[in-house]
C-alpha atoms as a PDB file:
ATOM      1  CA  MET A   1      39.516  12.929   1.625  1.00  0.00           C
ATOM      2  CA  GLU A   2      35.909  14.070   1.498  1.00  0.00           C
ATOM      3  CA  ILE A   3      33.527  11.623  -0.145  1.00  0.00           C
ATOM      4  CA  LYS A   4      30.138  12.746  -1.392  1.00  0.00           C
ATOM      5  CA  SER A   5      27.563  10.090  -2.104  1.00  0.00           C
ATOM      6  CA  LEU A   6      23.891   9.750  -2.906  1.00  0.00           C
ATOM      7  CA  PHE A   7      21.792   7.038  -1.302  1.00  0.00           C
ATOM      8  CA  TYR A   8      20.587   5.098  -4.347  1.00  0.00           C
ATOM      9  CA  HIS A   9      18.714   1.960  -3.307  1.00  0.00           C
ATOM     10  CA  CYS A  10      18.067  -0.599  -0.602  1.00  0.00           C
ATOM     11  CA  ASN A  11      17.673  -4.272  -1.481  1.00  0.00           C
ATOM     12  CA  ILE A  12      15.442  -6.853   0.149  1.00  0.00           C
ATOM     13  CA  ASN A  13      15.024 -10.452  -0.973  1.00  0.00           C
ATOM     14  CA  VAL A  14      11.499 -11.737  -1.490  1.00  0.00           C
ATOM     15  CA  THR A  15       9.985 -15.190  -1.928  1.00  0.00           C
ATOM     16  CA  ASN A  16       7.090 -14.179  -4.217  1.00  0.00           C
ATOM     17  CA  LEU A  17       7.939 -11.260  -6.479  1.00  0.00           C
ATOM     18  CA  GLU A  18       4.452 -10.476  -7.807  1.00  0.00           C
ATOM     19  CA  ARG A  19       2.909 -10.608  -4.316  1.00  0.00           C
ATOM     20  CA  SER A  20       5.599  -8.225  -3.022  1.00  0.00           C
ATOM     21  CA  ILE A  21       5.201  -5.798  -5.939  1.00  0.00           C
ATOM     22  CA  ALA A  22       1.439  -5.714  -5.317  1.00  0.00           C
ATOM     23  CA  PHE A  23       1.968  -5.095  -1.582  1.00  0.00           C
ATOM     24  CA  TYR A  24       4.353  -2.177  -2.080  1.00  0.00           C
ATOM     25  CA  GLU A  25       2.053  -0.611  -4.669  1.00  0.00           C
ATOM     26  CA  GLN A  26      -1.064  -0.986  -2.503  1.00  0.00           C
ATOM     27  CA  ALA A  27       0.516  -0.129   0.858  1.00  0.00           C
ATOM     28  CA  LEU A  28       2.912   2.664  -0.160  1.00  0.00           C
ATOM     29  CA  GLY A  29       2.106   3.656  -3.742  1.00  0.00           C
ATOM     30  CA  LEU A  30       5.475   2.465  -5.093  1.00  0.00           C
ATOM     31  CA  LYS A  31       5.695   1.657  -8.802  1.00  0.00           C
ATOM     32  CA  GLU A  32       8.043  -0.568 -10.775  1.00  0.00           C
ATOM     33  CA  VAL A  33      10.507   1.541 -12.779  1.00  0.00           C
ATOM     34  CA  LYS A  34      13.141  -0.975 -13.824  1.00  0.00           C
ATOM     35  CA  ARG A  35      13.593  -4.742 -14.032  1.00  0.00           C
ATOM     36  CA  LYS A  36      16.572  -6.998 -14.683  1.00  0.00           C
ATOM     37  CA  GLU A  37      16.157 -10.720 -15.336  1.00  0.00           C
ATOM     38  CA  ALA A  38      18.987 -13.233 -15.473  1.00  0.00           C
ATOM     39  CA  ALA A  39      19.276 -14.966 -18.845  1.00  0.00           C
ATOM     40  CA  ASP A  40      19.167 -18.345 -17.079  1.00  0.00           C
ATOM     41  CA  GLY A  41      16.134 -17.396 -14.967  1.00  0.00           C
ATOM     42  CA  SER A  42      18.062 -17.637 -11.705  1.00  0.00           C
ATOM     43  CA  PHE A  43      17.098 -14.183 -10.436  1.00  0.00           C
ATOM     44  CA  VAL A  44      14.916 -11.164 -11.071  1.00  0.00           C
ATOM     45  CA  LEU A  45      15.605  -7.659  -9.751  1.00  0.00           C
ATOM     46  CA  VAL A  46      12.738  -5.178  -9.635  1.00  0.00           C
ATOM     47  CA  TYR A  47      13.261  -1.536  -8.689  1.00  0.00           C
ATOM     48  CA  LEU A  48      10.359   0.380  -7.146  1.00  0.00           C
ATOM     49  CA  SER A  49      10.094   4.160  -6.890  1.00  0.00           C
ATOM     50  CA  ASP A  50       7.909   6.605  -5.000  1.00  0.00           C
ATOM     51  CA  GLY A  51       8.033   8.853  -8.086  1.00  0.00           C
ATOM     52  CA  THR A  52       9.452  11.753  -6.079  1.00  0.00           C
ATOM     53  CA  SER A  53      12.795  10.942  -4.498  1.00  0.00           C
ATOM     54  CA  PRO A  54      15.775   9.343  -6.274  1.00  0.00           C
ATOM     55  CA  PHE A  55      15.720   6.446  -3.765  1.00  0.00           C
ATOM     56  CA  LEU A  56      14.738   3.012  -5.085  1.00  0.00           C
ATOM     57  CA  LEU A  57      13.619  -0.132  -3.302  1.00  0.00           C
ATOM     58  CA  GLU A  58      15.154  -3.162  -4.999  1.00  0.00           C
ATOM     59  CA  LEU A  59      13.267  -6.441  -4.686  1.00  0.00           C
ATOM     60  CA  THR A  60      15.363  -9.512  -5.441  1.00  0.00           C
ATOM     61  CA  TRP A  61      13.773 -12.856  -6.251  1.00  0.00           C
ATOM     62  CA  LEU A  62      16.073 -15.882  -6.356  1.00  0.00           C
ATOM     63  CA  ARG A  63      14.801 -19.024  -8.099  1.00  0.00           C
ATOM     64  CA  ASP A  64      16.839 -21.337  -5.857  1.00  0.00           C
ATOM     65  CA  HIS A  65      15.628 -19.795  -2.566  1.00  0.00           C
ATOM     66  CA  PRO A  66      11.898 -20.569  -2.223  1.00  0.00           C
ATOM     67  CA  GLN A  67      11.956 -20.760   1.585  1.00  0.00           C
ATOM     68  CA  ALA A  68      11.324 -17.818   3.927  1.00  0.00           C
ATOM     69  CA  TYR A  69      14.292 -15.580   4.664  1.00  0.00           C
ATOM     70  CA  GLU A  70      15.734 -15.484   8.182  1.00  0.00           C
ATOM     71  CA  LEU A  71      15.218 -11.904   9.355  1.00  0.00           C
ATOM     72  CA  GLY A  72      16.778 -12.227  12.794  1.00  0.00           C
ATOM     73  CA  GLU A  73      15.007 -10.092  15.354  1.00  0.00           C
ATOM     74  CA  ASN A  74      13.628  -7.793  12.647  1.00  0.00           C
ATOM     75  CA  GLU A  75      15.411  -4.755  14.072  1.00  0.00           C
ATOM     76  CA  SER A  76      16.412  -3.503  10.618  1.00  0.00           C
ATOM     77  CA  HIS A  77      13.588  -1.767   8.818  1.00  0.00           C
ATOM     78  CA  LEU A  78      12.599   0.616   6.064  1.00  0.00           C
ATOM     79  CA  CYS A  79      10.884   3.909   6.896  1.00  0.00           C
ATOM     80  CA  TYR A  80       8.448   5.896   4.781  1.00  0.00           C
ATOM     81  CA  ARG A  81       6.757   9.226   5.423  1.00  0.00           C
ATOM     82  CA  VAL A  82       3.218   9.438   4.078  1.00  0.00           C
ATOM     83  CA  ALA A  83       1.344  12.525   2.915  1.00  0.00           C
ATOM     84  CA  GLY A  84      -2.313  13.113   3.656  1.00  0.00           C
ATOM     85  CA  ASP A  85      -4.518  12.027   6.537  1.00  0.00           C
ATOM     86  CA  TYR A  86      -2.147   9.932   8.664  1.00  0.00           C
ATOM     87  CA  ASP A  87      -4.961   8.396  10.752  1.00  0.00           C
ATOM     88  CA  ALA A  88      -6.904   7.400   7.626  1.00  0.00           C
ATOM     89  CA  ILE A  89      -3.779   5.815   6.142  1.00  0.00           C
ATOM     90  CA  ARG A  90      -3.177   3.881   9.382  1.00  0.00           C
ATOM     91  CA  GLU A  91      -6.779   2.647   9.284  1.00  0.00           C
ATOM     92  CA  TYR A  92      -6.317   1.601   5.637  1.00  0.00           C
ATOM     93  CA  HIS A  93      -3.183  -0.351   6.607  1.00  0.00           C
ATOM     94  CA  LYS A  94      -5.041  -1.904   9.572  1.00  0.00           C
ATOM     95  CA  SER A  95      -7.975  -2.920   7.353  1.00  0.00           C
ATOM     96  CA  HIS A  96      -5.553  -4.985   5.246  1.00  0.00           C
ATOM     97  CA  GLY A  97      -3.963  -6.617   8.313  1.00  0.00           C
ATOM     98  CA  TRP A  98      -0.587  -4.986   7.613  1.00  0.00           C
ATOM     99  CA  VAL A  99      -0.063  -3.119  10.923  1.00  0.00           C
ATOM    100  CA  CYS A 100       2.237  -5.186  13.126  1.00  0.00           C
ATOM    101  CA  PHE A 101       3.241  -2.634  15.801  1.00  0.00           C
ATOM    102  CA  GLU A 102       2.004   0.754  16.978  1.00  0.00           C
ATOM    103  CA  ASN A 103       3.654   3.275  19.283  1.00  0.00           C
ATOM    104  CA  HIS A 104       1.065   5.970  19.927  1.00  0.00           C
ATOM    105  CA  ASP A 105       3.371   7.884  22.302  1.00  0.00           C
ATOM    106  CA  MET A 106       5.929   8.316  19.515  1.00  0.00           C
ATOM    107  CA  GLY A 107       3.264   8.849  16.834  1.00  0.00           C
ATOM    108  CA  LEU A 108       4.363   5.996  14.591  1.00  0.00           C
ATOM    109  CA  TYR A 109       3.490   2.498  13.542  1.00  0.00           C
ATOM    110  CA  PHE A 110       4.958  -0.356  11.513  1.00  0.00           C
ATOM    111  CA  ILE A 111       3.505  -2.490   8.751  1.00  0.00           C
ATOM    112  CA  ASN A 112       4.999  -5.757   7.572  1.00  0.00           C
ATOM    113  CA  ASP A 113       5.291  -6.942   4.001  1.00  0.00           C
ATOM    114  CA  PRO A 114       4.566 -10.489   2.752  1.00  0.00           C
ATOM    115  CA  ASP A 115       8.083 -11.634   3.749  1.00  0.00           C
ATOM    116  CA  ASP A 116       7.705 -10.024   7.214  1.00  0.00           C
ATOM    117  CA  TYR A 117      10.052  -7.085   6.615  1.00  0.00           C
ATOM    118  CA  TRP A 118       8.973  -4.246   8.899  1.00  0.00           C
ATOM    119  CA  ILE A 119       8.290  -0.788   7.483  1.00  0.00           C
ATOM    120  CA  GLU A 120       8.000   2.233   9.760  1.00  0.00           C
ATOM    121  CA  ILE A 121       5.273   4.689   8.770  1.00  0.00           C
ATOM    122  CA  LEU A 122       5.555   8.346   9.784  1.00  0.00           C
ATOM    123  CA  PRO A 123       3.493  11.381   8.850  1.00  0.00           C
ATOM    124  CA  MET A 124       5.020  13.735   6.283  1.00  0.00           C
ATOM    125  CA  LYS A 125       5.486  16.557   8.808  1.00  0.00           C
END
């Protein structure tokens, strides 16, 4: 059997939804495109899009989980390619204190979001 699929979204849980939405908009230009709220207020799902690809980043806020999430050794990560002046974008990320790791030999760096999820940043080419 051959299965064909389309990568639709990746979910991460966040402790402060508005702070995370603001981070992803400022750091990567993602915009909210859909939201689902539980009738009892127990959770909120927010889907962010880059406006180009069909991939969505789903942010999940859980009312009954106010503490930080255990991220293990933080080996799992998201990766985004950015268009434009890569060095200027890195400096912008640095100026906000978001850069948490750089590998100049490989030509990449990582930023971390408010919940300490790591995001790899690569140039578009």
